[in-house]
Structures are given as C-alpha cells and as structure tokens.
Amino acid sequence: MAASLMTAAVDLKAAAARRLRRGRPPAAIWKRRMLAIALLATAITAVLTGFVPLSPTISLLFPPSTFPASSSAYFNSSVSLLSVTPPPPPLIRQPIPKRTASRPPPIRNRGSAGVNSGAGDAKESYLSMSPDEQLRYAKREIENAPLVVDDPELFAPLFRNVSVFKRSYELMERILKVYIYEDGPTPIFHTPELQGIYASEGWFMKLMEENWRFVVTNPSKAHLFYLPYSSRQLGLTLYVRNSHNLRPLSLFLRDYVNMIAAKYPFWNRTRGADHFLVACHDWGPYTTTAHEELRENTIKALCNADVSEGIFVREKDVSLPETTIRSPKNPLRNVGGGKPVSKRSFLAFYAGNMHGRVRPILNKYWGDDEDMRIYRRLPNRVSKNMSYVQHMKSSKFCICPMGYEVNSPRIVEAIYYECVPVIIADNFVLPFDEVFDWSAFAVVVAEQDIPNLKNILLGIPLRRYMSMLAGVKMLQKHFLWHAKPLKYDIFHMILHSIWFNRLNRIQLQQ
C-alpha cells in the first residue's frame, strides 16, 4: 500500500509538469493547481509516516481518525514514529519586572560559616525595618562577619580585615539608600568637574546622581543624605583672586545648610550626622568651618585629610583619593604597563613643584642623586626621551611628598602606573585607611627621616618589595573610575567608606 501511494504521488507531480509544459494556464489557475498537488502530496506523506498534519486544510481533508494505528501494518513495525516525545508547548513570555531602586533582593541571615541558612529571615528581615533599624542590623551583621578564607574577587593581604570588608560591602549593596538634595544653584551645586587633580569630587557627583541602585526619591527611606556641592566650583565662583580670604566660601555653604535645615526635617533629626559631602579641593575642609554642625557632625569625604587641623575626624570622615584625570572620555588612559623589576632602572622618582615644607627638603638631600631622580620639574632634555608616566613605570619607588597640603595626586598615579608609592606627609590619613593596610603595598616615611630616605628604600628586601609591587597591581581596580561603575571600583569604595563610617557612629543597645 505504501509503495502504491508513493508511486501515485510521483505520477501526479509528473502529470502536472507535462500539462504545464504543453500549455501555460493563467497565473491564478496555476497557483490553485500547484496548491492542490501540494496538499495531496502532503496527505500521502502523512499516511506513510503516521504524522498528523498540522495544516488546518490538511487536517480537514485527512483527520487523525482516518489513520488508526491498529489498521495499518506500518504502525506494527518494531520502531513506531508515534512513540516520539511530542514537541514542547509554545513558550509564553513572562513580563520583565521593572527595575526599582527601593526594593533590592532580600539578604539571608548568615551563620558563622558564611552559608545562607535562611533561619534569620523570619525573625529579622531588614526589608520590614525602618532605616535606623536597618543600620543597627547591618552593624550587628558586620560585627559577626563570617570568615573569608579565599575570595576570588578580593586580595586579602591588601585589607585590614577582608572578612569585615566583604560583609560590610554586601550589606551596603543590599541595604544602603541615599537621598540627594535637588536644591542649590549651579555651578556650585550639581555641576561636576571631570578633569584635573580635583576630579574625584566631580566624578563621584556625576556617578551618584546617575545612580539607580542607591539613590531614592523618597527621603523617608534614606540612610544617608548627600549635599552635592563642588568645592572646586565654589572656589572658582566666589574666591577673590589673591585675597587669601576663604570666609565668603564658608559663609555661602553655611547659608545653604541653614536653608536645607529650615526646608526639610532631615538635618535636624541627627544634627547632620547622617549627611555627607565630597570635596577634593585643598580648601574643602575650610568651607565647612562657618557652620558648627556641618563641621562637627557631617561625614566629610576630603582629599585634604589632615588630622592636625581639627577639621578632619578619623573614623567619622573619609580620606578621598585625589585622582588626576587628563581625559574625561578615557579616565583609564596609561593605566598599567609597569616594567618588570629587572628593567626598572631608577630606585626612586619625583618631578614637580617645590612648594610646601617637605619638597624643598627632599630636593636638598636627593636632588643630585643619580639613583633617586628627584626633579624640580621634569627637564625638556629628559622628557623628550622619557615622559613623566614612563619614569613612574620605570622606577621601583615613586616619591609622593605633600605640597601646601597633605594630599598628593601622585599616590594614585603610582598605583595606576604600577610603582610602589613612598608617602611623606605627617598627619595625613591615607585614602580608605579604615579598609586597607597600606603597609602591604606602600612605604610611609616620616618627614624627619627624609635625610635617610635612600637607606630606607635600599633596606627593603627584594622579596618584600616584590610582594608590595604585586599588591599595587592587585589594588588598582579599587582606584579606577568607570563611566558605569563596577563592583569594588573607586566609586563604590568611596561610598562604602561613607557607609562604613556612618555605621561606626551607630550605638547598639546592649
């Protein structure tokens, strides 16, 4: 039967072809004939294979009941095609939930081994807590942080306590919410400067105001309140050149804070303790002096982190890295590429102005030393053969002395260009000091030890130096700016330090 049906189908197709060759009918008639032939051929194929046609037309002509399996010798064969698993049902697309900043994924309570046990969810779910309760919950969790033995994303020797940092960072990602005040006139407010040595405050402002994960529009859900002003723009707008008078800058910021306190209830609840600002200009600390609560209570992320002046407070305020950005479109230009140790021809390198109290002493003792390579400014005869960046990549140590103030962009430059930084600035709180162990990747030299600087550097064993250089390379990712922030990068590290120091001020009930 199968052979005869197949022969009939072939004969039908051949006959149709002969008729078409003899006389060509109109297009409509030709199409109808070809459709009829195709339908008949498909029906015959269905009989042969036992396949129930899917076409409505074929199903009408040859319903499944026409081909009972028990009536055909074909279906009694040892392999039946009807036994094949039917096709899966059509995919139903579920609507994609909208991304919201106010509802992060819930965090499960962790046991001492750091495993999600889920036991604490019903008892202490942070989603149902008030912002203050969430902060106390986070602090308790951090104090009982599970031990981190080997984390693929974090290089443990860089950290004071990698377990505490990891747990704190996890909780920040899941819990922290920031409210940004929209008040404030431009260019002082909401106008980030993304180029130059003060670009840290501008990049943070830009990325914070673009952020959807941490920023909330409902201030009642916020744990922190951001005062988005630029100390650089404040100076450019209000400072009278050569007046040496910073009072107008501090009065302007004082009036702004008073306006915020009068317009909103949030400042007065904590006297500014849950508010923060980010300022990289040398004058950043001094702009806060006309408002007592702003100076004493607010978390200040400052490049000029000098504890000797009584404005920067360790464990409350944050030491902000000073990053030189030469190209805002490519902030990572020249990063990496340090030479192997065997090809680093200079013991140490510094080039720059000789202002402040430290740099003239450095130049006095080591300005003529061939190994140290200390320059007032990089001479043209030198720079035409080897640039400033190439000098850093070719030196074992990069000297980072303070200028008029304690901060220096050379610290981060040394990290970018893979050179062990040598920091000379008494009373300077190093960036992210609450998190990083700077002795693992940098050398801190007291100002009084400058005359002995070369012996200090030569006295570092090669094995120790190799470990420090490896630490610098592993540290890089924590100091890099990205147009879209990445986990553990400098934007998140700054925000984490603000979060971490805020938790330091939270009192837990005994």
Protein backbone atom coordinates (compact mmCIF):
# COMPACT_ATOMS: atom_id res chain seq x y z
CA MET A 1 0.00 0.00 0.00
CA ALA A 2 2.78 2.39 0.92
CA ALA A 3 4.58 1.76 -2.38
CA SER A 4 1.44 2.30 -4.46
CA LEU A 5 0.61 5.56 -2.69
CA MET A 6 4.12 6.88 -3.18
CA THR A 7 4.00 5.95 -6.89
CA ALA A 8 0.68 7.76 -7.24
CA ALA A 9 2.14 10.92 -5.75
CA VAL A 10 5.07 10.85 -8.14
CA ASP A 11 2.74 10.30 -11.11
CA LEU A 12 0.58 13.26 -10.06
CA LYS A 13 3.59 15.58 -9.94
CA ALA A 14 4.88 14.33 -13.33
CA ALA A 15 1.48 14.76 -14.96
CA ALA A 16 1.18 18.28 -13.65
CA ALA A 17 4.59 19.13 -15.04
CA ARG A 18 3.64 17.79 -18.51
CA ARG A 19 0.44 19.83 -18.59
CA LEU A 20 2.35 22.97 -17.66
CA ARG A 21 4.83 22.39 -20.50
CA ARG A 22 2.05 21.88 -23.09
CA GLY A 23 0.06 24.97 -22.22
CA ARG A 24 0.60 27.54 -19.60
CA PRO A 25 -2.66 28.42 -17.77
CA PRO A 26 -3.28 31.82 -16.20
CA ALA A 27 -1.31 32.51 -13.01
CA ALA A 28 -4.30 32.12 -10.66
CA ILE A 29 -5.24 28.71 -12.13
CA TRP A 30 -1.60 27.57 -11.97
CA LYS A 31 -1.34 28.53 -8.31
CA ARG A 32 -4.55 26.65 -7.43
CA ARG A 33 -3.37 23.53 -9.22
CA MET A 34 0.01 23.58 -7.53
CA LEU A 35 -1.66 24.04 -4.13
CA ALA A 36 -3.94 21.06 -4.75
CA ILE A 37 -0.96 18.92 -5.77
CA ALA A 38 0.99 20.01 -2.66
CA LEU A 39 -1.97 19.20 -0.40
CA LEU A 40 -2.40 15.77 -1.93
CA ALA A 41 1.33 15.01 -1.72
CA THR A 42 1.40 16.10 1.94
CA ALA A 43 -1.59 13.88 2.72
CA ILE A 44 0.10 10.89 1.15
CA THR A 45 3.27 11.58 3.15
CA ALA A 46 1.18 11.74 6.32
CA VAL A 47 -0.26 8.31 5.61
CA LEU A 48 3.21 6.90 5.10
CA THR A 49 4.79 8.40 8.26
CA GLY A 50 1.85 8.33 10.62
CA PHE A 51 2.25 12.10 11.21
CA VAL A 52 -0.96 14.00 11.93
CA PRO A 53 -0.87 17.08 9.69
CA LEU A 54 -0.77 20.46 11.39
CA SER A 55 -2.20 22.45 8.49
CA PRO A 56 -5.91 23.19 9.07
CA THR A 57 -6.64 22.37 5.44
CA ILE A 58 -4.88 19.01 5.58
CA SER A 59 -6.49 18.20 8.92
CA LEU A 60 -9.88 18.87 7.36
CA LEU A 61 -9.21 16.56 4.42
CA PHE A 62 -7.48 13.87 6.45
CA PRO A 63 -8.49 13.97 10.13
CA PRO A 64 -6.43 11.91 12.59
CA SER A 65 -9.22 9.34 12.86
CA THR A 66 -8.58 8.44 9.21
CA PHE A 67 -5.31 6.80 10.23
CA PRO A 68 -5.93 4.46 13.17
CA ALA A 69 -2.70 2.86 14.24
CA SER A 70 -4.28 -0.55 14.56
CA SER A 71 -5.47 -0.63 10.91
CA SER A 72 -2.06 -0.31 9.24
CA ALA A 73 0.72 -2.78 9.02
CA TYR A 74 3.17 0.15 9.08
CA PHE A 75 2.37 1.01 12.70
CA ASN A 76 3.03 -2.56 13.76
CA SER A 77 6.69 -2.28 12.83
CA SER A 78 9.39 -2.59 15.50
CA VAL A 79 10.04 1.24 15.55
CA SER A 80 6.99 3.46 15.63
CA LEU A 81 7.38 7.18 14.91
CA LEU A 82 4.29 7.82 17.01
CA SER A 83 6.30 6.96 20.11
CA VAL A 84 8.49 10.06 19.67
CA THR A 85 8.07 12.61 22.51
CA PRO A 86 5.63 15.32 21.40
CA PRO A 87 7.01 18.84 20.90
CA PRO A 88 7.03 21.13 23.99
CA PRO A 89 4.24 23.67 24.43
CA PRO A 90 4.86 27.13 22.95
CA LEU A 91 6.98 29.47 25.08
CA ILE A 92 4.91 32.00 26.99
CA ARG A 93 6.94 35.14 27.58
CA GLN A 94 6.62 36.47 31.10
CA PRO A 95 6.66 40.26 31.53
CA ILE A 96 10.06 41.56 32.69
CA PRO A 97 9.69 43.22 36.11
CA LYS A 98 10.61 46.88 36.23
CA ARG A 99 13.95 47.72 37.85
CA THR A 100 13.45 49.61 41.06
CA ALA A 101 15.94 51.20 43.41
CA SER A 102 13.83 50.84 46.52
CA ARG A 103 13.41 47.06 46.61
CA PRO A 104 16.73 45.14 46.44
CA PRO A 105 16.82 41.36 46.70
CA PRO A 106 16.43 40.17 50.29
CA ILE A 107 19.54 39.12 52.14
CA ARG A 108 19.55 35.94 54.13
CA ASN A 109 20.96 35.72 57.59
CA ARG A 110 24.34 34.04 57.58
CA GLY A 111 25.73 31.61 60.08
CA SER A 112 29.30 31.55 61.36
CA ALA A 113 30.37 29.62 58.27
CA GLY A 114 29.00 32.27 55.95
CA VAL A 115 26.37 29.98 54.42
CA ASN A 116 22.86 31.24 53.67
CA SER A 117 20.85 29.41 56.28
CA GLY A 118 17.62 31.37 55.94
CA ALA A 119 16.98 30.88 59.66
CA GLY A 120 17.08 34.58 60.43
CA ASP A 121 14.76 35.74 57.65
CA ALA A 122 11.50 35.38 59.55
CA LYS A 123 12.96 36.75 62.78
CA GLU A 124 14.90 39.71 61.40
CA SER A 125 14.10 40.68 57.81
CA TYR A 126 15.68 44.04 57.03
CA LEU A 127 13.03 44.88 54.43
CA SER A 128 10.40 45.45 57.11
CA MET A 129 12.68 47.63 59.26
CA SER A 130 12.97 51.39 59.48
CA PRO A 131 16.19 52.96 58.13
CA ASP A 132 17.64 53.32 61.64
CA GLU A 133 16.82 49.69 62.46
CA GLN A 134 18.44 48.61 59.21
CA LEU A 135 21.67 50.39 60.17
CA ARG A 136 21.74 48.66 63.56
CA TYR A 137 21.00 45.34 61.87
CA ALA A 138 23.90 45.90 59.44
CA LYS A 139 26.29 46.80 62.22
CA ARG A 140 25.45 43.61 64.14
CA GLU A 141 25.91 41.55 60.98
CA ILE A 142 29.31 43.13 60.31
CA GLU A 143 30.47 42.54 63.87
CA ASN A 144 29.66 38.85 63.33
CA ALA A 145 31.00 38.65 59.80
CA PRO A 146 31.69 35.12 58.52
CA LEU A 147 35.33 34.27 57.94
CA VAL A 148 36.53 34.81 54.37
CA VAL A 149 39.31 32.38 53.52
CA ASP A 150 39.79 32.67 49.77
CA ASP A 151 37.70 35.16 47.84
CA PRO A 152 38.36 35.27 44.07
CA GLU A 153 37.50 38.98 43.82
CA LEU A 154 39.40 40.31 46.84
CA PHE A 155 43.13 40.09 47.53
CA ALA A 156 43.17 39.53 51.29
CA PRO A 157 46.69 40.93 52.06
CA LEU A 158 45.52 44.40 50.99
CA PHE A 159 42.90 44.60 53.74
CA ARG A 160 42.94 45.17 57.45
CA ASN A 161 40.16 42.59 57.74
CA VAL A 162 38.87 41.20 54.45
CA SER A 163 36.01 39.36 56.19
CA VAL A 164 34.64 42.56 57.71
CA PHE A 165 35.03 44.46 54.45
CA LYS A 166 33.28 41.81 52.38
CA ARG A 167 30.31 41.56 54.74
CA SER A 168 30.03 45.34 55.01
CA TYR A 169 30.18 45.75 51.23
CA GLU A 170 27.50 43.08 50.73
CA LEU A 171 25.18 44.83 53.15
CA MET A 172 25.85 48.21 51.54
CA GLU A 173 24.84 46.84 48.14
CA ARG A 174 21.59 45.43 49.50
CA ILE A 175 20.53 47.99 52.09
CA LEU A 176 22.04 51.45 51.56
CA LYS A 177 19.76 54.18 50.22
CA VAL A 178 20.88 57.77 49.57
CA TYR A 179 18.74 60.86 49.15
CA ILE A 180 20.23 63.72 47.09
CA TYR A 181 19.05 67.25 47.72
CA GLU A 182 17.94 68.92 44.50
CA ASP A 183 18.43 72.38 45.97
CA GLY A 184 21.43 74.56 45.30
CA PRO A 185 22.37 76.92 42.45
CA THR A 186 24.71 75.94 39.67
CA PRO A 187 27.63 75.90 39.06
CA ILE A 188 28.43 75.30 42.74
CA PHE A 189 25.85 72.51 43.02
CA HIS A 190 25.16 69.67 40.60
CA THR A 191 28.00 70.72 38.26
CA PRO A 192 30.72 68.07 38.28
CA GLU A 193 34.21 68.87 37.06
CA LEU A 194 35.61 65.71 35.47
CA GLN A 195 39.14 66.80 34.61
CA GLY A 196 42.24 67.76 36.58
CA ILE A 197 43.59 66.90 40.01
CA TYR A 198 40.29 67.67 41.79
CA ALA A 199 38.19 65.43 39.56
CA SER A 200 37.37 62.94 42.33
CA GLU A 201 34.55 65.10 43.70
CA GLY A 202 33.15 65.66 40.20
CA TRP A 203 33.23 62.01 39.16
CA PHE A 204 31.59 60.95 42.40
CA MET A 205 28.86 63.58 41.97
CA LYS A 206 28.20 62.55 38.39
CA LEU A 207 28.00 58.83 39.12
CA MET A 208 25.99 59.30 42.31
CA GLU A 209 23.35 61.45 40.62
CA GLU A 210 23.09 58.96 37.74
CA ASN A 211 22.78 56.00 40.09
CA TRP A 212 19.56 53.99 40.37
CA ARG A 213 20.68 51.35 42.80
CA PHE A 214 21.43 53.50 45.84
CA VAL A 215 19.51 56.72 45.17
CA VAL A 216 15.90 57.09 46.36
CA THR A 217 13.41 59.85 45.71
CA ASN A 218 11.61 59.20 49.00
CA PRO A 219 13.80 60.68 51.77
CA SER A 220 11.98 58.71 54.47
CA LYS A 221 13.69 55.57 53.14
CA ALA A 222 17.20 57.07 53.11
CA HIS A 223 20.09 56.19 55.41
CA LEU A 224 22.33 58.98 54.11
CA PHE A 225 21.72 62.45 52.65
CA TYR A 226 24.13 63.85 50.03
CA LEU A 227 24.98 67.56 49.85
CA PRO A 228 26.03 67.70 46.17
CA TYR A 229 28.31 70.72 46.09
CA SER A 230 31.70 71.14 44.43
CA SER A 231 34.48 72.72 46.46
CA ARG A 232 36.31 73.39 43.20
CA GLN A 233 33.34 75.25 41.69
CA LEU A 234 32.77 77.07 44.98
CA GLY A 235 36.30 78.44 44.84
CA LEU A 236 36.12 79.39 41.17
CA THR A 237 32.81 81.20 41.71
CA LEU A 238 33.31 83.06 44.99
CA TYR A 239 37.02 83.37 45.75
CA VAL A 240 38.54 86.78 45.11
CA ARG A 241 41.92 86.21 43.49
CA ASN A 242 44.92 86.91 45.77
CA SER A 243 42.65 87.90 48.66
CA HIS A 244 43.64 84.88 50.81
CA ASN A 245 40.14 85.10 52.28
CA LEU A 246 38.09 81.89 52.36
CA ARG A 247 35.39 83.34 54.59
CA PRO A 248 32.92 84.04 51.72
CA LEU A 249 33.11 80.37 50.71
CA SER A 250 32.32 79.05 54.20
CA LEU A 251 29.50 81.60 54.68
CA PHE A 252 27.90 80.53 51.42
CA LEU A 253 27.93 76.87 52.48
CA ARG A 254 26.65 77.82 55.94
CA ASP A 255 23.64 79.59 54.41
CA TYR A 256 22.95 76.60 52.18
CA VAL A 257 22.90 74.19 55.14
CA ASN A 258 20.64 76.53 57.11
CA MET A 259 18.25 76.62 54.14
CA ILE A 260 18.25 72.80 53.98
CA ALA A 261 17.60 72.56 57.73
CA ALA A 262 14.69 75.02 57.51
CA LYS A 263 13.11 73.50 54.41
CA TYR A 264 13.41 69.80 55.31
CA PRO A 265 13.15 67.92 58.64
CA PHE A 266 16.03 65.53 57.99
CA TRP A 267 19.01 67.60 59.07
CA ASN A 268 17.54 68.42 62.47
CA ARG A 269 16.80 64.77 63.33
CA THR A 270 20.53 63.97 63.67
CA ARG A 271 22.08 67.45 63.56
CA GLY A 272 23.64 66.48 60.24
CA ALA A 273 25.21 63.18 61.36
CA ASP A 274 23.55 61.25 58.51
CA HIS A 275 24.54 63.84 55.88
CA PHE A 276 27.73 63.79 53.82
CA LEU A 277 29.70 65.88 51.37
CA VAL A 278 32.55 65.07 48.97
CA ALA A 279 35.24 67.72 48.41
CA CYS A 280 38.67 67.29 46.85
CA HIS A 281 39.98 70.84 46.62
CA ASP A 282 42.57 71.80 49.24
CA TRP A 283 40.04 74.29 50.61
CA GLY A 284 37.37 71.64 51.13
CA PRO A 285 37.82 71.39 54.91
CA TYR A 286 37.80 75.16 55.37
CA THR A 287 34.49 75.65 53.58
CA THR A 288 32.77 73.84 56.47
CA THR A 289 34.11 76.00 59.31
CA ALA A 290 31.32 78.61 59.48
CA HIS A 291 28.65 76.02 60.41
CA GLU A 292 29.35 74.14 63.64
CA GLU A 293 27.12 71.13 62.97
CA LEU A 294 28.41 70.82 59.40
CA ARG A 295 31.99 70.81 60.65
CA GLU A 296 31.49 68.58 63.69
CA ASN A 297 28.77 66.10 62.68
CA THR A 298 28.61 65.70 58.91
CA ILE A 299 30.63 62.95 57.22
CA LYS A 300 33.21 64.77 55.11
CA ALA A 301 34.94 62.88 52.29
CA LEU A 302 38.05 65.05 51.82
CA CYS A 303 41.24 64.76 49.78
CA ASN A 304 42.85 67.09 52.32
CA ALA A 305 42.56 64.60 55.18
CA ASP A 306 44.80 66.33 57.74
CA VAL A 307 44.05 65.36 61.35
CA SER A 308 46.32 68.09 62.78
CA GLU A 309 43.91 70.92 61.89
CA GLY A 310 40.96 69.63 63.91
CA ILE A 311 38.53 69.53 60.97
CA PHE A 312 39.04 66.02 59.62
CA VAL A 313 37.99 63.42 62.20
CA ARG A 314 39.37 59.89 61.86
CA GLU A 315 36.73 57.11 61.84
CA LYS A 316 33.98 59.63 61.03
CA ASP A 317 35.32 61.40 57.97
CA VAL A 318 36.65 59.72 54.82
CA SER A 319 40.02 60.25 53.14
CA LEU A 320 39.12 60.81 49.49
CA PRO A 321 41.68 59.71 46.85
CA GLU A 322 42.96 62.58 44.72
CA THR A 323 42.92 61.33 41.13
CA THR A 324 44.35 63.23 38.19
CA ILE A 325 42.03 62.78 35.20
CA ARG A 326 43.57 64.08 31.97
CA SER A 327 40.88 62.81 29.61
CA PRO A 328 37.29 62.55 30.94
CA LYS A 329 36.36 60.40 27.95
CA ASN A 330 39.16 57.97 28.79
CA PRO A 331 39.92 58.16 32.51
CA LEU A 332 41.91 54.90 32.37
CA ARG A 333 44.45 56.10 29.81
CA ASN A 334 48.01 54.85 30.52
CA VAL A 335 46.87 52.71 33.47
CA GLY A 336 49.06 49.63 33.96
CA GLY A 337 52.11 48.63 31.95
CA GLY A 338 54.78 48.87 34.63
CA LYS A 339 58.10 47.36 33.64
CA PRO A 340 59.46 44.13 35.14
CA VAL A 341 61.60 44.68 38.22
CA SER A 342 64.76 43.73 36.34
CA LYS A 343 64.15 46.61 33.90
CA ARG A 344 63.37 49.31 36.44
CA SER A 345 66.48 51.44 36.15
CA PHE A 346 65.69 54.02 38.87
CA LEU A 347 65.48 53.46 42.60
CA ALA A 348 63.01 56.34 43.06
CA PHE A 349 61.41 59.17 41.09
CA TYR A 350 59.76 62.53 41.74
CA ALA A 351 59.11 65.51 39.49
CA GLY A 352 57.07 68.58 40.39
CA ASN A 353 56.91 71.97 42.03
CA MET A 354 58.89 72.56 45.21
CA HIS A 355 56.25 74.30 47.31
CA GLY A 356 55.31 73.39 50.87
CA ARG A 357 57.57 72.34 53.72
CA VAL A 358 58.53 68.84 52.54
CA ARG A 359 59.55 69.11 48.90
CA PRO A 360 62.41 71.61 49.34
CA ILE A 361 63.95 69.27 51.94
CA LEU A 362 63.57 66.34 49.56
CA ASN A 363 65.30 68.28 46.82
CA LYS A 364 68.06 69.48 49.18
CA TYR A 365 69.13 65.95 50.11
CA TRP A 366 68.40 63.98 46.95
CA GLY A 367 68.15 66.43 44.06
CA ASP A 368 71.59 65.48 42.71
CA ASP A 369 71.39 61.73 43.33
CA GLU A 370 71.52 59.62 40.13
CA ASP A 371 69.57 56.74 41.67
CA MET A 372 66.83 58.88 43.19
CA ARG A 373 65.94 61.05 40.16
CA ILE A 374 64.39 63.98 42.03
CA TYR A 375 63.48 66.89 39.73
CA ARG A 376 62.01 70.34 40.35
CA ARG A 377 60.16 69.94 37.06
CA LEU A 378 60.93 67.27 34.52
CA PRO A 379 63.51 68.97 32.22
CA ASN A 380 62.87 69.06 28.48
CA ARG A 381 66.14 67.26 27.81
CA VAL A 382 64.82 64.40 29.94
CA SER A 383 61.14 64.42 29.00
CA LYS A 384 61.83 64.21 25.25
CA ASN A 385 63.39 60.79 25.84
CA MET A 386 61.19 59.56 28.69
CA SER A 387 57.85 61.03 29.79
CA TYR A 388 56.61 61.53 33.33
CA VAL A 389 54.44 58.40 33.11
CA GLN A 390 57.30 56.35 31.66
CA HIS A 391 59.52 57.44 34.54
CA MET A 392 56.93 56.13 37.00
CA LYS A 393 56.66 52.83 35.17
CA SER A 394 60.46 52.51 35.13
CA SER A 395 61.08 53.27 38.84
CA LYS A 396 60.97 50.91 41.79
CA PHE A 397 59.56 53.59 44.09
CA CYS A 398 57.60 56.78 43.38
CA ILE A 399 58.02 59.57 45.91
CA CYS A 400 54.71 61.20 46.92
CA PRO A 401 55.51 64.21 49.14
CA MET A 402 52.88 66.62 50.41
CA GLY A 403 52.69 70.11 48.90
CA TYR A 404 50.92 73.00 50.57
CA GLU A 405 48.52 70.41 51.98
CA VAL A 406 48.98 66.76 52.94
CA ASN A 407 47.27 65.22 49.92
CA SER A 408 49.01 64.40 46.65
CA PRO A 409 47.68 63.03 43.34
CA ARG A 410 50.95 61.10 42.94
CA ILE A 411 49.73 58.42 45.34
CA VAL A 412 47.02 57.27 42.97
CA GLU A 413 49.26 57.90 39.95
CA ALA A 414 51.81 55.48 41.43
CA ILE A 415 49.04 52.89 41.79
CA TYR A 416 47.88 53.48 38.22
CA TYR A 417 51.38 53.15 36.78
CA GLU A 418 52.45 50.22 38.98
CA CYS A 419 55.09 51.88 41.12
CA VAL A 420 55.35 51.39 44.90
CA PRO A 421 54.34 54.75 46.47
CA VAL A 422 56.53 56.37 49.12
CA ILE A 423 54.31 58.75 51.10
CA ILE A 424 55.85 61.66 53.00
CA ALA A 425 53.17 63.66 54.81
CA ASP A 426 52.84 63.68 58.58
CA ASN A 427 49.26 63.78 59.94
CA PHE A 428 47.82 62.51 56.64
CA VAL A 429 45.09 59.87 56.86
CA LEU A 430 45.63 57.70 53.80
CA PRO A 431 42.73 57.01 51.40
CA PHE A 432 40.37 54.25 52.57
CA ASP A 433 42.52 53.86 55.68
CA GLU A 434 39.63 52.18 57.52
CA VAL A 435 39.75 49.34 54.96
CA PHE A 436 43.27 48.99 53.51
CA ASP A 437 46.53 48.03 55.21
CA TRP A 438 48.86 50.47 53.44
CA SER A 439 51.99 48.79 54.77
CA ALA A 440 51.21 45.90 52.40
CA PHE A 441 51.83 47.97 49.25
CA ALA A 442 53.34 51.35 50.20
CA VAL A 443 56.13 52.93 52.24
CA VAL A 444 55.25 55.70 54.70
CA VAL A 445 58.24 57.83 55.69
CA ALA A 446 58.17 60.46 58.43
CA GLU A 447 59.16 63.96 57.34
CA GLN A 448 62.11 63.94 59.75
CA ASP A 449 63.50 60.82 58.05
CA ILE A 450 63.96 62.44 54.62
CA PRO A 451 67.77 62.65 55.09
CA ASN A 452 67.78 58.84 55.49
CA LEU A 453 65.31 58.15 52.66
CA LYS A 454 67.69 56.32 50.32
CA ASN A 455 68.89 53.95 53.04
CA ILE A 456 65.27 53.22 54.00
CA LEU A 457 64.42 52.22 50.43
CA LEU A 458 67.62 50.21 49.89
CA GLY A 459 66.93 48.39 53.14
CA ILE A 460 63.72 46.85 51.86
CA PRO A 461 64.47 43.21 50.90
CA LEU A 462 63.74 42.17 47.31
CA ARG A 463 61.19 39.61 48.43
CA ARG A 464 59.36 42.25 50.43
CA TYR A 465 59.48 44.69 47.51
CA MET A 466 58.10 42.07 45.10
CA SER A 467 55.20 41.48 47.48
CA MET A 468 54.46 45.21 47.68
CA LEU A 469 54.58 45.63 43.91
CA ALA A 470 52.18 42.71 43.47
CA GLY A 471 49.90 44.40 46.00
CA VAL A 472 49.95 47.63 43.99
CA LYS A 473 48.81 45.77 40.89
CA MET A 474 46.02 44.00 42.79
CA LEU A 475 44.99 47.33 44.33
CA GLN A 476 44.47 49.10 41.00
CA LYS A 477 40.86 48.06 40.46
CA HIS A 478 39.85 49.76 43.71
CA PHE A 479 41.08 53.16 42.40
CA LEU A 480 39.70 53.17 38.85
CA TRP A 481 36.91 55.40 37.57
CA HIS A 482 34.45 53.92 35.08
CA ALA A 483 31.68 55.62 33.12
CA LYS A 484 29.45 52.90 34.52
CA PRO A 485 30.68 51.93 38.00
CA LEU A 486 31.94 48.39 38.54
CA LYS A 487 31.92 46.38 41.71
CA TYR A 488 34.72 47.34 44.13
CA ASP A 489 35.87 50.29 41.97
CA ILE A 490 36.69 53.74 43.36
CA PHE A 491 33.10 55.00 43.25
CA HIS A 492 31.90 52.06 45.32
CA MET A 493 34.93 52.27 47.63
CA ILE A 494 34.18 55.92 48.41
CA LEU A 495 30.52 55.16 49.04
CA HIS A 496 31.46 52.15 51.16
CA SER A 497 33.77 54.24 53.35
CA ILE A 498 30.97 56.76 53.93
CA TRP A 499 28.57 53.90 54.76
CA PHE A 500 31.14 52.16 56.98
CA ASN A 501 31.97 55.31 58.96
CA ARG A 502 28.28 56.07 59.38
CA LEU A 503 27.85 52.62 60.94
CA ASN A 504 30.78 53.39 63.26
CA ARG A 505 28.67 56.14 64.83
CA ILE A 506 25.65 53.92 65.40
CA GLN A 507 25.11 52.86 69.00
CA LEU A 508 23.81 49.34 69.58
CA GLN A 509 21.60 48.60 72.54
CA GLN A 510 23.26 46.27 74.99
